[in-house]
Amino acid sequence: MRISTILGTTLALTAGLLSNIPAASAIRLADGTVYFAQPPSLVSASTTFNDVYVWGAKYYFTLSLPNNAGEPLQRVTITQQEGIDDIEFDLEDSRAFEGTRGDKGKTIALGSVMRDDNKRMLSIAFDPPVAPGKTVTIALNPIRNPKYAGVYLFGVTAFPPGEKTHGQFLGFGRLHFYDNRDFGWP
């Protein structure tokens, strides 16, 4: 009986102490740099058409922001790292929504979408930032798919809000394009 009383008291005290721990907050360095406490994750990258030189495709990049991120998601950069052809995008046709490609949810407002041609990078800002605990999908509209078949890798980096933030690299979105044209050659 004594052991069960001690064990019960210990568990009750531990539960009481743990319930007073605040939710995850962002990490702020002395110089003011803001980090995610728990960074988002890149869930998937996909396209509606994977044939070369096709117009009308959409590229989807899905990210999941955990409940304990500590900060909302303010901005995402998507940088083409691999691929023979530079893919150009219609920036004005960029969209974002809650959920995944298959279960499109509520539209998420975009603040700005910019391209840095020298770095082959797109910067997509959310206005307002995406709250922790959400899954967000960014839909990009390329002018056309690349001319050349192969694997195209896009590095995805997430940023919390703030004047001085540390971007968290989430990984590579991989899109594979195929040349399915039949030239009638033997």
N, C-alpha and C. Protein backbone atom coordinates (compact mmCIF):
# COMPACT_ATOMS: atom_id res chain seq x y z
N MET A 1 0.82 -1.19 0.00
CA MET A 1 0.00 0.00 0.00
C MET A 1 0.86 1.25 0.00
N ARG A 2 1.93 1.23 0.79
CA ARG A 2 2.82 2.38 0.89
C ARG A 2 3.46 2.68 -0.45
N ILE A 3 3.89 1.66 -1.21
CA ILE A 3 4.53 1.87 -2.52
C ILE A 3 3.54 2.49 -3.49
N SER A 4 2.30 2.01 -3.48
CA SER A 4 1.32 2.57 -4.41
C SER A 4 1.01 4.02 -4.05
N THR A 5 1.02 4.39 -2.77
CA THR A 5 0.79 5.77 -2.36
C THR A 5 1.94 6.66 -2.83
N ILE A 6 3.16 6.20 -2.63
CA ILE A 6 4.33 6.97 -3.07
C ILE A 6 4.33 7.12 -4.59
N LEU A 7 4.03 6.03 -5.30
CA LEU A 7 3.98 6.07 -6.76
C LEU A 7 2.89 7.03 -7.23
N GLY A 8 1.73 6.96 -6.63
CA GLY A 8 0.61 7.85 -6.98
C GLY A 8 0.96 9.31 -6.75
N THR A 9 1.57 9.60 -5.62
CA THR A 9 1.97 10.97 -5.29
C THR A 9 3.02 11.46 -6.28
N THR A 10 3.98 10.62 -6.60
CA THR A 10 5.03 10.99 -7.56
C THR A 10 4.43 11.29 -8.93
N LEU A 11 3.53 10.44 -9.39
CA LEU A 11 2.89 10.66 -10.69
C LEU A 11 2.07 11.94 -10.69
N ALA A 12 1.35 12.22 -9.62
CA ALA A 12 0.53 13.42 -9.52
C ALA A 12 1.41 14.67 -9.55
N LEU A 13 2.51 14.65 -8.81
CA LEU A 13 3.43 15.79 -8.80
C LEU A 13 4.07 16.00 -10.17
N THR A 14 4.47 14.91 -10.82
CA THR A 14 5.07 15.00 -12.15
C THR A 14 4.09 15.56 -13.15
N ALA A 15 2.86 15.09 -13.12
CA ALA A 15 1.82 15.59 -14.03
C ALA A 15 1.57 17.07 -13.78
N GLY A 16 1.55 17.48 -12.51
CA GLY A 16 1.34 18.88 -12.17
C GLY A 16 2.48 19.76 -12.69
N LEU A 17 3.69 19.29 -12.55
CA LEU A 17 4.84 20.05 -13.04
C LEU A 17 4.84 20.15 -14.56
N LEU A 18 4.51 19.05 -15.24
CA LEU A 18 4.52 19.04 -16.70
C LEU A 18 3.40 19.91 -17.27
N SER A 19 2.28 20.01 -16.55
CA SER A 19 1.18 20.83 -17.07
C SER A 19 1.51 22.31 -17.01
N ASN A 20 2.50 22.71 -16.23
CA ASN A 20 2.89 24.12 -16.13
C ASN A 20 3.95 24.51 -17.16
N ILE A 21 4.42 23.56 -17.95
CA ILE A 21 5.41 23.86 -18.97
C ILE A 21 4.70 24.57 -20.12
N PRO A 22 5.16 25.75 -20.51
CA PRO A 22 4.49 26.47 -21.58
C PRO A 22 4.67 25.77 -22.92
N ALA A 23 3.76 26.06 -23.85
CA ALA A 23 3.88 25.52 -25.21
C ALA A 23 5.20 25.98 -25.80
N ALA A 24 5.67 25.25 -26.80
CA ALA A 24 6.96 25.58 -27.42
C ALA A 24 6.95 27.02 -27.91
N SER A 25 8.01 27.71 -27.63
CA SER A 25 8.13 29.07 -28.14
C SER A 25 9.35 29.12 -29.04
N ALA A 26 9.38 30.16 -29.84
CA ALA A 26 10.48 30.29 -30.79
C ALA A 26 11.79 30.47 -30.04
N ILE A 27 12.83 30.19 -30.72
CA ILE A 27 14.17 30.38 -30.18
C ILE A 27 14.65 31.73 -30.68
N ARG A 28 15.00 32.61 -29.76
CA ARG A 28 15.50 33.94 -30.11
C ARG A 28 16.89 34.10 -29.54
N LEU A 29 17.85 34.37 -30.41
CA LEU A 29 19.22 34.57 -29.97
C LEU A 29 19.41 35.99 -29.46
N ALA A 30 20.52 36.22 -28.80
CA ALA A 30 20.82 37.54 -28.25
C ALA A 30 20.86 38.62 -29.34
N ASP A 31 21.25 38.24 -30.55
CA ASP A 31 21.31 39.23 -31.64
C ASP A 31 19.95 39.45 -32.30
N GLY A 32 18.90 38.78 -31.79
CA GLY A 32 17.55 38.98 -32.30
C GLY A 32 17.12 37.98 -33.37
N THR A 33 18.01 37.07 -33.77
CA THR A 33 17.66 36.08 -34.79
C THR A 33 16.61 35.11 -34.25
N VAL A 34 15.56 34.89 -35.05
CA VAL A 34 14.45 34.01 -34.66
C VAL A 34 14.57 32.68 -35.41
N TYR A 35 14.41 31.59 -34.68
CA TYR A 35 14.41 30.23 -35.21
C TYR A 35 13.07 29.58 -34.86
N PHE A 36 12.68 28.58 -35.63
CA PHE A 36 11.56 27.73 -35.22
C PHE A 36 12.03 26.87 -34.06
N ALA A 37 11.15 26.63 -33.07
CA ALA A 37 11.47 25.68 -32.01
C ALA A 37 11.46 24.26 -32.59
N GLN A 38 10.48 23.98 -33.45
CA GLN A 38 10.39 22.72 -34.19
C GLN A 38 10.06 23.11 -35.63
N PRO A 39 10.96 22.86 -36.57
CA PRO A 39 10.74 23.34 -37.94
C PRO A 39 9.63 22.59 -38.67
N PRO A 40 9.08 23.23 -39.70
CA PRO A 40 8.11 22.54 -40.56
C PRO A 40 8.80 21.38 -41.28
N SER A 41 8.00 20.55 -41.93
CA SER A 41 8.58 19.47 -42.74
C SER A 41 8.00 19.54 -44.15
N LEU A 42 8.82 19.16 -45.11
CA LEU A 42 8.37 19.05 -46.50
C LEU A 42 7.70 17.70 -46.64
N VAL A 43 6.39 17.71 -46.92
CA VAL A 43 5.61 16.48 -47.00
C VAL A 43 5.73 15.87 -48.39
N SER A 44 5.58 16.71 -49.43
CA SER A 44 5.61 16.18 -50.80
C SER A 44 5.82 17.29 -51.81
N ALA A 45 6.21 16.86 -53.00
CA ALA A 45 6.29 17.72 -54.18
C ALA A 45 5.73 16.89 -55.34
N SER A 46 4.85 17.50 -56.13
CA SER A 46 4.24 16.75 -57.24
C SER A 46 3.87 17.71 -58.36
N THR A 47 3.55 17.13 -59.51
CA THR A 47 3.11 17.92 -60.65
C THR A 47 1.90 17.25 -61.29
N THR A 48 1.09 18.06 -61.96
CA THR A 48 -0.09 17.50 -62.63
C THR A 48 0.28 16.83 -63.95
N PHE A 49 1.36 17.29 -64.59
CA PHE A 49 1.84 16.69 -65.84
C PHE A 49 3.35 16.54 -65.76
N ASN A 50 3.86 15.36 -66.08
CA ASN A 50 5.31 15.17 -66.02
C ASN A 50 5.93 14.93 -67.40
N ASP A 51 5.23 15.32 -68.46
CA ASP A 51 5.82 15.27 -69.80
C ASP A 51 6.61 16.54 -70.05
N VAL A 52 7.70 16.43 -70.81
CA VAL A 52 8.48 17.62 -71.14
C VAL A 52 7.68 18.54 -72.06
N TYR A 53 8.01 19.79 -71.98
CA TYR A 53 7.51 20.83 -72.87
C TYR A 53 5.99 20.90 -72.94
N VAL A 54 5.32 20.71 -71.81
CA VAL A 54 3.87 20.77 -71.72
C VAL A 54 3.47 22.07 -71.03
N TRP A 55 2.42 22.70 -71.55
CA TRP A 55 1.87 23.89 -70.92
C TRP A 55 0.70 23.47 -70.04
N GLY A 56 0.40 24.26 -69.03
CA GLY A 56 -0.77 24.02 -68.19
C GLY A 56 -0.54 23.15 -66.97
N ALA A 57 0.70 22.81 -66.67
CA ALA A 57 0.98 22.00 -65.48
C ALA A 57 0.92 22.87 -64.22
N LYS A 58 0.75 22.23 -63.09
CA LYS A 58 0.87 22.87 -61.78
C LYS A 58 1.87 22.06 -60.97
N TYR A 59 2.69 22.76 -60.19
CA TYR A 59 3.63 22.11 -59.28
C TYR A 59 3.14 22.38 -57.87
N TYR A 60 3.06 21.34 -57.04
CA TYR A 60 2.57 21.45 -55.68
C TYR A 60 3.68 21.10 -54.69
N PHE A 61 3.86 21.97 -53.69
CA PHE A 61 4.81 21.73 -52.60
C PHE A 61 4.02 21.80 -51.30
N THR A 62 3.96 20.68 -50.57
CA THR A 62 3.16 20.60 -49.34
C THR A 62 4.09 20.57 -48.13
N LEU A 63 3.79 21.45 -47.16
CA LEU A 63 4.57 21.56 -45.93
C LEU A 63 3.64 21.39 -44.74
N SER A 64 4.17 20.80 -43.68
CA SER A 64 3.42 20.63 -42.44
C SER A 64 4.14 21.39 -41.33
N LEU A 65 3.41 22.29 -40.69
CA LEU A 65 3.96 23.08 -39.59
C LEU A 65 3.46 22.46 -38.28
N PRO A 66 4.36 21.92 -37.45
CA PRO A 66 3.92 21.23 -36.24
C PRO A 66 3.31 22.19 -35.21
N ASN A 67 2.51 21.63 -34.32
CA ASN A 67 1.91 22.43 -33.25
C ASN A 67 2.95 23.12 -32.38
N ASN A 68 4.09 22.47 -32.19
CA ASN A 68 5.14 23.02 -31.31
C ASN A 68 6.21 23.79 -32.09
N ALA A 69 5.84 24.37 -33.22
CA ALA A 69 6.81 25.13 -34.03
C ALA A 69 7.30 26.36 -33.29
N GLY A 70 6.48 26.92 -32.42
CA GLY A 70 6.90 28.09 -31.66
C GLY A 70 6.66 29.39 -32.39
N GLU A 71 6.59 29.36 -33.69
CA GLU A 71 6.35 30.54 -34.53
C GLU A 71 5.53 30.12 -35.73
N PRO A 72 4.77 31.04 -36.30
CA PRO A 72 4.07 30.73 -37.56
C PRO A 72 5.04 30.72 -38.73
N LEU A 73 4.56 30.29 -39.86
CA LEU A 73 5.35 30.23 -41.10
C LEU A 73 5.09 31.51 -41.89
N GLN A 74 6.11 32.34 -42.07
CA GLN A 74 5.97 33.61 -42.76
C GLN A 74 6.29 33.51 -44.25
N ARG A 75 7.36 32.74 -44.55
CA ARG A 75 7.85 32.75 -45.94
C ARG A 75 8.50 31.42 -46.27
N VAL A 76 8.43 31.06 -47.55
CA VAL A 76 9.07 29.85 -48.06
C VAL A 76 9.86 30.23 -49.31
N THR A 77 11.08 29.70 -49.42
CA THR A 77 11.81 29.85 -50.67
C THR A 77 11.91 28.48 -51.33
N ILE A 78 11.77 28.47 -52.65
CA ILE A 78 11.89 27.25 -53.45
C ILE A 78 12.93 27.53 -54.51
N THR A 79 14.04 26.80 -54.44
CA THR A 79 15.19 27.05 -55.30
C THR A 79 15.47 25.85 -56.19
N GLN A 80 15.48 26.06 -57.50
CA GLN A 80 15.80 24.96 -58.42
C GLN A 80 17.29 24.67 -58.30
N GLN A 81 17.61 23.46 -57.83
CA GLN A 81 19.00 23.05 -57.62
C GLN A 81 19.54 22.19 -58.75
N GLU A 82 18.71 21.36 -59.31
CA GLU A 82 19.10 20.43 -60.38
C GLU A 82 18.13 20.55 -61.52
N GLY A 83 18.60 20.20 -62.69
CA GLY A 83 17.77 20.21 -63.89
C GLY A 83 18.43 21.03 -64.97
N ILE A 84 18.43 20.50 -66.18
CA ILE A 84 19.12 21.14 -67.29
C ILE A 84 18.47 22.47 -67.66
N ASP A 85 17.14 22.49 -67.71
CA ASP A 85 16.39 23.66 -68.16
C ASP A 85 15.98 24.51 -66.96
N ASP A 86 16.10 25.84 -67.07
CA ASP A 86 15.59 26.74 -66.03
C ASP A 86 14.08 26.84 -66.19
N ILE A 87 13.36 26.50 -65.15
CA ILE A 87 11.90 26.55 -65.21
C ILE A 87 11.45 27.94 -64.79
N GLU A 88 10.64 28.56 -65.64
CA GLU A 88 10.08 29.88 -65.35
C GLU A 88 8.65 29.72 -64.87
N PHE A 89 8.20 30.64 -64.01
CA PHE A 89 6.87 30.56 -63.42
C PHE A 89 6.07 31.83 -63.67
N ASP A 90 4.75 31.66 -63.77
CA ASP A 90 3.83 32.78 -63.80
C ASP A 90 3.56 33.14 -62.34
N LEU A 91 4.29 34.11 -61.82
CA LEU A 91 4.22 34.43 -60.39
C LEU A 91 2.83 34.89 -59.96
N GLU A 92 2.12 35.57 -60.84
CA GLU A 92 0.79 36.09 -60.49
C GLU A 92 -0.24 34.97 -60.34
N ASP A 93 0.06 33.78 -60.85
CA ASP A 93 -0.87 32.66 -60.75
C ASP A 93 -0.50 31.71 -59.60
N SER A 94 0.37 32.15 -58.70
CA SER A 94 0.76 31.33 -57.55
C SER A 94 -0.37 31.34 -56.53
N ARG A 95 -0.59 30.19 -55.89
CA ARG A 95 -1.67 30.03 -54.92
C ARG A 95 -1.16 29.22 -53.72
N ALA A 96 -1.91 29.30 -52.62
CA ALA A 96 -1.64 28.46 -51.45
C ALA A 96 -2.98 28.13 -50.79
N PHE A 97 -3.04 26.95 -50.19
CA PHE A 97 -4.26 26.53 -49.51
C PHE A 97 -3.91 25.57 -48.38
N GLU A 98 -4.84 25.45 -47.42
CA GLU A 98 -4.66 24.51 -46.33
C GLU A 98 -4.89 23.10 -46.85
N GLY A 99 -4.16 22.14 -46.31
CA GLY A 99 -4.32 20.75 -46.70
C GLY A 99 -3.34 20.35 -47.78
N THR A 100 -3.65 19.22 -48.41
CA THR A 100 -2.78 18.66 -49.44
C THR A 100 -3.44 18.82 -50.81
N ARG A 101 -2.72 18.44 -51.83
CA ARG A 101 -3.23 18.55 -53.20
C ARG A 101 -4.56 17.83 -53.36
N GLY A 102 -4.72 16.70 -52.70
CA GLY A 102 -5.93 15.91 -52.85
C GLY A 102 -7.12 16.42 -52.06
N ASP A 103 -6.86 17.19 -51.01
CA ASP A 103 -7.97 17.69 -50.18
C ASP A 103 -7.87 19.19 -49.98
N LYS A 104 -7.87 19.91 -51.09
CA LYS A 104 -7.72 21.36 -51.04
C LYS A 104 -8.70 21.97 -50.04
N GLY A 105 -8.14 22.77 -49.14
CA GLY A 105 -8.94 23.42 -48.13
C GLY A 105 -9.01 24.92 -48.36
N LYS A 106 -9.14 25.62 -47.27
CA LYS A 106 -9.28 27.08 -47.28
C LYS A 106 -8.07 27.74 -47.95
N THR A 107 -8.35 28.74 -48.78
CA THR A 107 -7.28 29.50 -49.44
C THR A 107 -6.47 30.27 -48.41
N ILE A 108 -5.16 30.29 -48.60
CA ILE A 108 -4.25 31.05 -47.76
C ILE A 108 -3.75 32.23 -48.58
N ALA A 109 -3.89 33.42 -48.02
CA ALA A 109 -3.49 34.64 -48.74
C ALA A 109 -1.97 34.75 -48.84
N LEU A 110 -1.54 35.14 -50.02
CA LEU A 110 -0.11 35.37 -50.25
C LEU A 110 0.17 36.87 -50.20
N GLY A 111 1.27 37.23 -49.55
CA GLY A 111 1.67 38.62 -49.49
C GLY A 111 2.44 39.02 -50.73
N SER A 112 3.50 38.30 -51.02
CA SER A 112 4.31 38.58 -52.20
C SER A 112 4.90 37.29 -52.73
N VAL A 113 5.08 37.26 -54.03
CA VAL A 113 5.77 36.15 -54.69
C VAL A 113 6.81 36.79 -55.60
N MET A 114 8.07 36.49 -55.34
CA MET A 114 9.16 37.10 -56.11
C MET A 114 10.11 36.03 -56.63
N ARG A 115 10.84 36.38 -57.68
CA ARG A 115 11.82 35.46 -58.27
C ARG A 115 13.17 36.15 -58.33
N ASP A 116 14.20 35.40 -57.97
CA ASP A 116 15.58 35.84 -58.13
C ASP A 116 16.18 34.95 -59.21
N ASP A 117 16.27 35.47 -60.44
CA ASP A 117 16.74 34.68 -61.57
C ASP A 117 18.17 34.19 -61.39
N ASN A 118 19.02 34.99 -60.75
CA ASN A 118 20.42 34.59 -60.56
C ASN A 118 20.55 33.36 -59.68
N LYS A 119 19.64 33.23 -58.71
CA LYS A 119 19.69 32.11 -57.78
C LYS A 119 18.70 31.00 -58.14
N ARG A 120 17.90 31.19 -59.20
CA ARG A 120 16.86 30.24 -59.59
C ARG A 120 15.91 29.97 -58.41
N MET A 121 15.54 31.07 -57.73
CA MET A 121 14.79 30.95 -56.49
C MET A 121 13.49 31.75 -56.53
N LEU A 122 12.43 31.15 -55.98
CA LEU A 122 11.16 31.83 -55.74
C LEU A 122 11.04 32.08 -54.25
N SER A 123 10.47 33.21 -53.88
CA SER A 123 10.19 33.53 -52.49
C SER A 123 8.70 33.77 -52.37
N ILE A 124 8.01 32.99 -51.52
CA ILE A 124 6.57 33.08 -51.35
C ILE A 124 6.30 33.48 -49.91
N ALA A 125 5.66 34.65 -49.72
CA ALA A 125 5.34 35.14 -48.37
C ALA A 125 3.85 34.99 -48.13
N PHE A 126 3.49 34.61 -46.90
CA PHE A 126 2.10 34.45 -46.51
C PHE A 126 1.64 35.69 -45.74
N ASP A 127 0.41 36.14 -46.00
CA ASP A 127 -0.12 37.31 -45.33
C ASP A 127 -1.58 37.08 -44.95
N PRO A 128 -1.84 36.70 -43.71
CA PRO A 128 -0.97 36.61 -42.55
C PRO A 128 -0.17 35.30 -42.56
N PRO A 129 0.83 35.20 -41.67
CA PRO A 129 1.60 33.95 -41.58
C PRO A 129 0.72 32.75 -41.24
N VAL A 130 1.17 31.57 -41.63
CA VAL A 130 0.44 30.32 -41.38
C VAL A 130 0.69 29.87 -39.94
N ALA A 131 -0.39 29.62 -39.21
CA ALA A 131 -0.30 29.24 -37.80
C ALA A 131 0.26 27.83 -37.62
N PRO A 132 0.95 27.59 -36.50
CA PRO A 132 1.41 26.23 -36.20
C PRO A 132 0.25 25.25 -36.19
N GLY A 133 0.54 24.00 -36.53
CA GLY A 133 -0.47 22.96 -36.56
C GLY A 133 -1.18 22.83 -37.89
N LYS A 134 -0.78 23.59 -38.88
CA LYS A 134 -1.43 23.59 -40.19
C LYS A 134 -0.56 22.87 -41.22
N THR A 135 -1.23 22.32 -42.23
CA THR A 135 -0.56 21.81 -43.42
C THR A 135 -0.92 22.77 -44.54
N VAL A 136 0.08 23.22 -45.29
CA VAL A 136 -0.13 24.19 -46.35
C VAL A 136 0.47 23.65 -47.65
N THR A 137 -0.24 23.88 -48.75
CA THR A 137 0.27 23.49 -50.06
C THR A 137 0.41 24.74 -50.91
N ILE A 138 1.57 24.89 -51.53
CA ILE A 138 1.85 25.98 -52.45
C ILE A 138 1.69 25.43 -53.86
N ALA A 139 0.87 26.10 -54.67
CA ALA A 139 0.64 25.68 -56.07
C ALA A 139 1.30 26.71 -56.98
N LEU A 140 2.25 26.24 -57.77
CA LEU A 140 2.97 27.12 -58.71
C LEU A 140 2.60 26.76 -60.13
N ASN A 141 2.54 27.76 -60.98
CA ASN A 141 2.18 27.57 -62.37
C ASN A 141 3.41 27.87 -63.25
N PRO A 142 4.09 26.82 -63.75
CA PRO A 142 5.22 27.07 -64.65
C PRO A 142 4.70 27.59 -65.99
N ILE A 143 5.50 28.40 -66.65
CA ILE A 143 5.14 28.85 -68.00
C ILE A 143 4.96 27.61 -68.88
N ARG A 144 5.87 26.66 -68.73
CA ARG A 144 5.78 25.36 -69.40
C ARG A 144 6.72 24.42 -68.65
N ASN A 145 6.52 23.13 -68.83
CA ASN A 145 7.45 22.17 -68.26
C ASN A 145 8.79 22.29 -68.99
N PRO A 146 9.86 21.77 -68.39
CA PRO A 146 11.17 21.89 -69.04
C PRO A 146 11.22 21.20 -70.40
N LYS A 147 12.15 21.67 -71.24
CA LYS A 147 12.34 21.08 -72.58
C LYS A 147 12.99 19.71 -72.49
N TYR A 148 13.80 19.51 -71.45
CA TYR A 148 14.62 18.31 -71.37
C TYR A 148 14.17 17.40 -70.24
N ALA A 149 14.12 16.11 -70.53
CA ALA A 149 13.72 15.12 -69.54
C ALA A 149 14.78 15.01 -68.44
N GLY A 150 14.36 14.51 -67.30
CA GLY A 150 15.28 14.28 -66.20
C GLY A 150 14.68 14.64 -64.87
N VAL A 151 15.53 14.54 -63.85
CA VAL A 151 15.13 14.86 -62.48
C VAL A 151 15.43 16.32 -62.22
N TYR A 152 14.45 17.01 -61.68
CA TYR A 152 14.59 18.41 -61.30
C TYR A 152 14.37 18.50 -59.80
N LEU A 153 15.37 19.02 -59.08
CA LEU A 153 15.32 19.13 -57.63
C LEU A 153 15.10 20.58 -57.21
N PHE A 154 14.20 20.76 -56.25
CA PHE A 154 13.88 22.09 -55.73
C PHE A 154 14.12 22.10 -54.23
N GLY A 155 15.08 22.90 -53.77
CA GLY A 155 15.34 23.04 -52.34
C GLY A 155 14.29 23.92 -51.71
N VAL A 156 13.72 23.47 -50.60
CA VAL A 156 12.65 24.21 -49.92
C VAL A 156 13.15 24.65 -48.54
N THR A 157 13.02 25.95 -48.26
CA THR A 157 13.46 26.53 -47.00
C THR A 157 12.31 27.34 -46.40
N ALA A 158 12.08 27.20 -45.09
CA ALA A 158 10.99 27.88 -44.39
C ALA A 158 11.55 28.93 -43.44
N PHE A 159 10.81 30.04 -43.29
CA PHE A 159 11.23 31.14 -42.43
C PHE A 159 10.10 31.56 -41.49
N PRO A 160 10.41 31.80 -40.21
CA PRO A 160 9.41 32.36 -39.29
C PRO A 160 9.32 33.88 -39.53
N PRO A 161 8.33 34.56 -38.92
CA PRO A 161 8.26 36.01 -39.06
C PRO A 161 9.38 36.70 -38.29
N GLY A 162 9.67 37.91 -38.68
CA GLY A 162 10.66 38.71 -37.98
C GLY A 162 11.59 39.41 -38.94
N GLU A 163 12.28 40.42 -38.41
CA GLU A 163 13.22 41.16 -39.24
C GLU A 163 14.50 40.37 -39.49
N LYS A 164 14.89 39.59 -38.49
CA LYS A 164 16.11 38.79 -38.61
C LYS A 164 15.73 37.34 -38.29
N THR A 165 15.63 36.51 -39.33
CA THR A 165 15.18 35.13 -39.13
C THR A 165 16.18 34.15 -39.71
N HIS A 166 16.17 32.96 -39.15
CA HIS A 166 17.00 31.87 -39.67
C HIS A 166 16.11 30.94 -40.47
N GLY A 167 16.42 30.76 -41.74
CA GLY A 167 15.67 29.84 -42.58
C GLY A 167 16.05 28.41 -42.27
N GLN A 168 15.05 27.54 -42.22
CA GLN A 168 15.27 26.11 -41.97
C GLN A 168 15.11 25.36 -43.28
N PHE A 169 16.20 24.73 -43.76
CA PHE A 169 16.13 23.94 -44.98
C PHE A 169 15.33 22.68 -44.68
N LEU A 170 14.28 22.44 -45.50
CA LEU A 170 13.37 21.31 -45.25
C LEU A 170 13.67 20.09 -46.10
N GLY A 171 14.44 20.28 -47.16
CA GLY A 171 14.76 19.16 -48.04
C GLY A 171 14.50 19.52 -49.49
N PHE A 172 14.57 18.51 -50.34
CA PHE A 172 14.39 18.69 -51.77
C PHE A 172 13.06 18.11 -52.24
N GLY A 173 12.33 18.93 -53.01
CA GLY A 173 11.18 18.44 -53.73
C GLY A 173 11.68 17.91 -55.06
N ARG A 174 11.32 16.69 -55.40
CA ARG A 174 11.84 16.04 -56.61
C ARG A 174 10.73 15.87 -57.63
N LEU A 175 10.93 16.46 -58.81
CA LEU A 175 10.00 16.28 -59.92
C LEU A 175 10.75 15.62 -61.05
N HIS A 176 10.18 14.57 -61.64
CA HIS A 176 10.81 13.83 -62.72
C HIS A 176 9.98 14.06 -63.99
N PHE A 177 10.65 14.53 -65.03
CA PHE A 177 9.97 14.80 -66.30
C PHE A 177 10.46 13.81 -67.34
N TYR A 178 9.53 13.36 -68.19
CA TYR A 178 9.80 12.32 -69.17
C TYR A 178 9.54 12.84 -70.58
N ASP A 179 10.30 12.33 -71.53
CA ASP A 179 10.08 12.66 -72.94
C ASP A 179 9.32 11.49 -73.54
N ASN A 180 8.02 11.63 -73.62
CA ASN A 180 7.15 10.56 -74.13
C ASN A 180 6.74 10.78 -75.57
N ARG A 181 7.42 11.70 -76.24
CA ARG A 181 7.06 11.97 -77.63
C ARG A 181 7.52 10.80 -78.51
N ASP A 182 6.70 10.44 -79.45
CA ASP A 182 7.01 9.37 -80.38
C ASP A 182 7.33 9.99 -81.74
N PHE A 183 8.59 9.91 -82.13
CA PHE A 183 9.01 10.50 -83.39
C PHE A 183 8.88 9.51 -84.57
N GLY A 184 8.39 8.32 -84.29
CA GLY A 184 8.19 7.33 -85.34
C GLY A 184 9.48 6.66 -85.82
N TRP A 185 10.57 6.84 -85.05
CA TRP A 185 11.84 6.20 -85.42
C TRP A 185 11.82 4.75 -85.00
N PRO A 186 12.48 3.92 -85.76
CA PRO A 186 12.53 2.49 -85.39
C PRO A 186 13.38 2.23 -84.17
